[in-house]
Amino acid sequence: MAIPDSFLDELVGKTDIYDIVSGYVRLNKRSGSNIFGLCPFHGEKTPSFSVNTDKQIFYCFGCGKGGGVINFVREIENIPFRDAVEILAKRAGMNVPESDADKELSEKRKRILMLNRDAARHFYEMLFTPLAQSARQYLAKREISKAMITRFGLGVAPESWNNLLDAMSKKGYTSGELIEAGLAKSGRSEGKAYDVFRGRLMFPIIDTRDNVIGFSGRILGDGEPKYLNSPETLVFNKRRNLFALNIAKKTKSGMLLLVEGNIDVIALHQAGFDNAVASLGTALTTEQAQLMSRHVKQVAIAYDSDESGKRAVLKAIPLLEKTGMGVKVISMGASKDPDEFLKKHSADAFQILLDKSEGHIDYRLLTIQNSHNLTTDSGRLSYLSSATTLLSELESAPEREIYSERVASIAGISPEAVRNEVSKKLARRKAQSKKDFEQRVARPTAAMQPEDKELRYSSEYSAKAEEGLIRYLVRDPALMKIVEEMGFSEEEFTSAFLAKVFSIIIRRLADGREIDAALIMAELEKHEAAQLTAIMQKPETATNNGKTLREYIEKIRTEKLKTQNPNDSLLLEIKQLKQTT
């Protein structure tokens, strides 16, 4: 059976959403009962993410994510419902009742993790067989030691269509399980499957709980892609994980070294830098930046020195900065990446680079300087425009003062002129931020339709009234007597999602349980909870709640009649107008 509603009610009642969210998000801007911070689910410069301490819900006015405390833990940790409940229950000193459905899902996740672990062992063992000669030659060429091979669990997937399938079959795994784990794909012939990773050096991806959640494979011969990562599975999402964080999280340095490739990570660890990590074949994500911020307070970026690497640095800086971490950038001169620098120079030389690495402001100003011709008036003006825009975005007044003098010196003008321009842009930026903030709070939804396609409304006019009905019932359950008097039923909803929420309200009232948005959201999926949160954010200006609720029900029924008798829609509108005047 599912987790009892009474247990979820007690759990939500014992958990303060502010205490949970503030462990992940810096909340420092209050507006009424809402406390705002930068959203952990999307990149932003001004706070759109709110926690309502009265309603015990969260909502982002920027990306639309929202819900109760269980929904938040599910979203931020990227875990199933039961796992989120278990985390919160452990914190509250409660034991979660067994649920057959959730237990089945949990067992499936455990099975994939077991399969991944056994696959990693198989790849590692294959590395020392005759089939792995090219892989061993590659490792020798890259000067990767046996100790590093063992520490990172490196292995090889031979150039074979069924090497892993056959090995895992002998251990009792089915081809369906390998497909579900992202280790195999279905063939054209029914019942046939083949290995995903073939002819590749294998890097196990291990999470911070030391589970093998996926793999990254580097091709050993010609072909594309150069790196191939596991697809998204029940246990793996590459946007939410980092290569080698399971090791780097134990560093005593208080800093993480962020690099582009797995080989760079291993080379740095081999040189004594136990804090190196890499994103998984993609540009740095907001989720990865948040993940790093849970373990350290500072990040040094050591991306490749080519143009794409420089662009990636500029994209990564704001994501990292928004988490509150200090950000530095390492410049490796003529070396294209950390691995090459270490081979040309030494670990001591890299440490000197790290010690002398620039703060992200210096790096960005230097990038702006290098992109303008300062020998011409137009070039200097363009440089000043870009540089003062950057300085106006700095929160620290002393930083703005110091860097304004530096910019003035480079451009050959007075510091006062730079400071005045920065002040003007700062004032404009703050005014615009305030305006945007007020608009987000006053108008939380710009469109009627839900963002999630699964929840799209078939009739927007009816759905607007249906949303209003739900909003009134959640805010004042006593209004249910009007719903009963008018004989309104679940079948009259055009939205299956809103009908589901209505049925939850009916059931909770029948069981004598409390009607509360946060409690209802505990019974909804993440996308459903987000939409209900958006609905609850919308204001109601009517003073006569009973009259407005009746009007909502009449509107729903009128819209239904319009679809049944489209030719009579005008007559219906005239009739309705007469009834309300």
Foldseek 3Di string as FASTA:
>chain_A
DDFDLVVLVVLLVLDQLCVVVVLQFPFDDDDPQWTWTPDLAAFDQFTQWIARRVQQKIAGLPPLFIFHNLLVQCVLVVADSVVSSVVSCVVSVHDTDDDPVVVVVVVLLVVLLVLLVVLLVVQLVQCPDPQNPLVVVVCVVLVQDPVLCVVQSKGAAEQFFCPSVVVVVVVPDAVVSCVQLQQWDDDPDPPDITGPGYQWIWGFAAALVRTRNWIWTAHSDDDDDRIDIRDDHNRDDLLQGKGLCNQQLPDPPLEAEEEADPSLQSLLVVQPNRRYIYRRPDQHGSNNLSVVLSRHQEYEYFYFPDPVRLVSLVVVVSSNVSSNHWYWYFDQPPQGGNSRSCVVDHSVVVVVSVVPTGGVLVVVLVVLVVVFDLVDPVRLVSSLVVNLLVLLSDPDPVVSLVVLCVSCVSNVHDSVVSSVSSVVNNVVVVVVSVVVNVCCLQPSDPDQAAPDPVFGFPDSQLVVLLLVLLLLCLVPVVLVVLVVVVVPALVLDRTPLSSVLVVVSVVCVVVVHHRRLNSSSSVDHRSSSSVNVSSNSHDDDDPPSNVSNVVSVVSSVLVVVCVVPVVCNVVSVVVVVVVVD
